[in-house]
Amino acid sequence: MLGWTGTSGLPPADLQQIALLLTGTARAVATDVRRAADLLPEGHADRALADAVLEEADRRLSLALEGTVSCVQGCVRLVSALYARLDRLTEAVASRSARAL
């Protein structure tokens, strides 16, 4: 999807449906990011970055969906950013837990 240029050949209604599915995924991953971030102390750098990513996700998820390639690509980028943050948080939580032992 990120490699699409111009038009995808799909009708706008299909593109809007894809974007809707991706926003549902983004909301679910954002919830996981919040849970993982909450396991870290307030001043932890990874928690602060997660807060910034979640604020941006909230802003982007509040926008109206369009039946365009650009909208779908934006949703894909958002899901990708959330998963990247979740991976980073998972590593930070695991590292913190290992040091506590």
C-alpha atoms as a PDB file:
ATOM      1  CA  MET A   1       0.000   0.000   0.000  1.00  0.00           C
ATOM      2  CA  LEU A   2       2.831   2.367   0.740  1.00  0.00           C
ATOM      3  CA  GLY A   3       4.198   1.690  -2.720  1.00  0.00           C
ATOM      4  CA  TRP A   4       1.005   2.814  -4.418  1.00  0.00           C
ATOM      5  CA  THR A   5       1.430   5.917  -6.510  1.00  0.00           C
ATOM      6  CA  GLY A   6      -1.352   7.895  -8.084  1.00  0.00           C
ATOM      7  CA  THR A   7      -4.462   5.803  -8.123  1.00  0.00           C
ATOM      8  CA  SER A   8      -4.804   2.235  -6.931  1.00  0.00           C
ATOM      9  CA  GLY A   9      -7.557   1.281  -9.330  1.00  0.00           C
ATOM     10  CA  LEU A  10      -9.865   0.622  -6.377  1.00  0.00           C
ATOM     11  CA  PRO A  11     -13.130   2.487  -5.979  1.00  0.00           C
ATOM     12  CA  PRO A  12     -13.178   5.188  -3.281  1.00  0.00           C
ATOM     13  CA  ALA A  13     -15.605   3.119  -1.179  1.00  0.00           C
ATOM     14  CA  ASP A  14     -13.102   0.246  -1.065  1.00  0.00           C
ATOM     15  CA  LEU A  15     -10.283   2.599  -0.109  1.00  0.00           C
ATOM     16  CA  GLN A  16     -12.448   4.065   2.635  1.00  0.00           C
ATOM     17  CA  GLN A  17     -13.200   0.548   3.929  1.00  0.00           C
ATOM     18  CA  ILE A  18      -9.486  -0.286   4.003  1.00  0.00           C
ATOM     19  CA  ALA A  19      -8.805   2.942   5.902  1.00  0.00           C
ATOM     20  CA  LEU A  20     -11.581   2.087   8.356  1.00  0.00           C
ATOM     21  CA  LEU A  21     -10.063  -1.345   9.027  1.00  0.00           C
ATOM     22  CA  LEU A  22      -6.649   0.207   9.524  1.00  0.00           C
ATOM     23  CA  THR A  23      -8.003   2.792  11.984  1.00  0.00           C
ATOM     24  CA  GLY A  24      -9.542  -0.031  14.005  1.00  0.00           C
ATOM     25  CA  THR A  25      -6.152  -1.706  14.085  1.00  0.00           C
ATOM     26  CA  ALA A  26      -4.505   1.577  15.068  1.00  0.00           C
ATOM     27  CA  ARG A  27      -6.919   2.034  17.976  1.00  0.00           C
ATOM     28  CA  ALA A  28      -6.226  -1.490  19.234  1.00  0.00           C
ATOM     29  CA  VAL A  29      -2.449  -1.076  18.993  1.00  0.00           C
ATOM     30  CA  ALA A  30      -2.674   2.365  20.653  1.00  0.00           C
ATOM     31  CA  THR A  31      -4.387   0.695  23.615  1.00  0.00           C
ATOM     32  CA  ASP A  32      -1.520  -1.798  23.838  1.00  0.00           C
ATOM     33  CA  VAL A  33       1.004   1.049  23.630  1.00  0.00           C
ATOM     34  CA  ARG A  34      -0.737   2.845  26.507  1.00  0.00           C
ATOM     35  CA  ARG A  35      -0.725  -0.310  28.653  1.00  0.00           C
ATOM     36  CA  ALA A  36       2.966  -0.921  28.003  1.00  0.00           C
ATOM     37  CA  ALA A  37       3.867   2.731  28.626  1.00  0.00           C
ATOM     38  CA  ASP A  38       2.018   2.656  31.936  1.00  0.00           C
ATOM     39  CA  LEU A  39       4.396  -0.074  33.126  1.00  0.00           C
ATOM     40  CA  LEU A  40       7.289   2.380  32.995  1.00  0.00           C
ATOM     41  CA  PRO A  41       7.928   5.171  35.496  1.00  0.00           C
ATOM     42  CA  GLU A  42       6.712   8.707  34.722  1.00  0.00           C
ATOM     43  CA  GLY A  43      10.111  10.112  33.783  1.00  0.00           C
ATOM     44  CA  HIS A  44      11.216   7.243  31.544  1.00  0.00           C
ATOM     45  CA  ALA A  45      12.220   8.408  28.044  1.00  0.00           C
ATOM     46  CA  ASP A  46      10.347   5.599  26.287  1.00  0.00           C
ATOM     47  CA  ARG A  47       7.180   6.500  28.163  1.00  0.00           C
ATOM     48  CA  ALA A  48       7.515  10.146  27.130  1.00  0.00           C
ATOM     49  CA  LEU A  49       7.984   9.127  23.494  1.00  0.00           C
ATOM     50  CA  ALA A  50       4.963   6.841  23.733  1.00  0.00           C
ATOM     51  CA  ASP A  51       2.896   9.734  25.058  1.00  0.00           C
ATOM     52  CA  ALA A  52       3.937  11.854  22.064  1.00  0.00           C
ATOM     53  CA  VAL A  53       3.122   9.064  19.607  1.00  0.00           C
ATOM     54  CA  LEU A  54      -0.263   8.490  21.277  1.00  0.00           C
ATOM     55  CA  GLU A  55      -1.124  12.200  21.108  1.00  0.00           C
ATOM     56  CA  GLU A  56      -0.334  12.213  17.400  1.00  0.00           C
ATOM     57  CA  ALA A  57      -2.342   9.011  16.919  1.00  0.00           C
ATOM     58  CA  ASP A  58      -5.350  10.569  18.672  1.00  0.00           C
ATOM     59  CA  ARG A  59      -5.101  13.610  16.428  1.00  0.00           C
ATOM     60  CA  ARG A  60      -4.847  11.535  13.255  1.00  0.00           C
ATOM     61  CA  LEU A  61      -7.618   9.141  14.293  1.00  0.00           C
ATOM     62  CA  SER A  62      -9.975  12.074  14.797  1.00  0.00           C
ATOM     63  CA  LEU A  63      -9.718  13.076  11.131  1.00  0.00           C
ATOM     64  CA  ALA A  64     -12.442  12.079   8.692  1.00  0.00           C
ATOM     65  CA  LEU A  65     -11.599   9.098   6.496  1.00  0.00           C
ATOM     66  CA  GLU A  66     -11.427   9.627   2.768  1.00  0.00           C
ATOM     67  CA  GLY A  67     -11.596   7.156  -0.048  1.00  0.00           C
ATOM     68  CA  THR A  68      -8.127   8.030  -1.295  1.00  0.00           C
ATOM     69  CA  VAL A  69      -4.781   6.303  -1.612  1.00  0.00           C
ATOM     70  CA  SER A  70      -3.221   9.065   0.496  1.00  0.00           C
ATOM     71  CA  CYS A  71      -5.650   8.407   3.350  1.00  0.00           C
ATOM     72  CA  VAL A  72      -4.949   4.665   3.304  1.00  0.00           C
ATOM     73  CA  GLN A  73      -1.204   5.299   3.230  1.00  0.00           C
ATOM     74  CA  GLY A  74      -1.518   7.635   6.214  1.00  0.00           C
ATOM     75  CA  CYS A  75      -3.357   4.914   8.123  1.00  0.00           C
ATOM     76  CA  VAL A  76      -0.667   2.374   7.245  1.00  0.00           C
ATOM     77  CA  ARG A  77       2.034   4.754   8.468  1.00  0.00           C
ATOM     78  CA  LEU A  78       0.146   5.313  11.714  1.00  0.00           C
ATOM     79  CA  VAL A  79      -0.232   1.585  12.377  1.00  0.00           C
ATOM     80  CA  SER A  80       3.450   1.085  11.564  1.00  0.00           C
ATOM     81  CA  ALA A  81       4.516   3.868  13.958  1.00  0.00           C
ATOM     82  CA  LEU A  82       2.347   2.454  16.735  1.00  0.00           C
ATOM     83  CA  TYR A  83       3.759  -1.052  16.297  1.00  0.00           C
ATOM     84  CA  ALA A  84       7.303   0.354  16.303  1.00  0.00           C
ATOM     85  CA  ARG A  85       6.598   2.182  19.554  1.00  0.00           C
ATOM     86  CA  LEU A  86       5.005  -0.943  21.047  1.00  0.00           C
ATOM     87  CA  ASP A  87       8.098  -2.985  20.150  1.00  0.00           C
ATOM     88  CA  ARG A  88      10.335  -0.394  21.772  1.00  0.00           C
ATOM     89  CA  LEU A  89       8.190  -0.279  24.915  1.00  0.00           C
ATOM     90  CA  THR A  90       8.119  -4.069  25.159  1.00  0.00           C
ATOM     91  CA  GLU A  91      11.916  -4.101  25.057  1.00  0.00           C
ATOM     92  CA  ALA A  92      12.138  -1.343  27.686  1.00  0.00           C
ATOM     93  CA  VAL A  93       9.712  -3.103  30.026  1.00  0.00           C
ATOM     94  CA  ALA A  94      11.544  -6.423  29.622  1.00  0.00           C
ATOM     95  CA  SER A  95      14.905  -4.755  30.230  1.00  0.00           C
ATOM     96  CA  ARG A  96      13.586  -3.002  33.322  1.00  0.00           C
ATOM     97  CA  SER A  97      12.109  -6.246  34.638  1.00  0.00           C
ATOM     98  CA  ALA A  98      15.393  -8.119  34.067  1.00  0.00           C
ATOM     99  CA  ARG A  99      17.331  -5.479  35.995  1.00  0.00           C
ATOM    100  CA  ALA A 100      14.869  -5.751  38.891  1.00  0.00           C
ATOM    101  CA  LEU A 101      15.711  -9.435  39.315  1.00  0.00           C
END
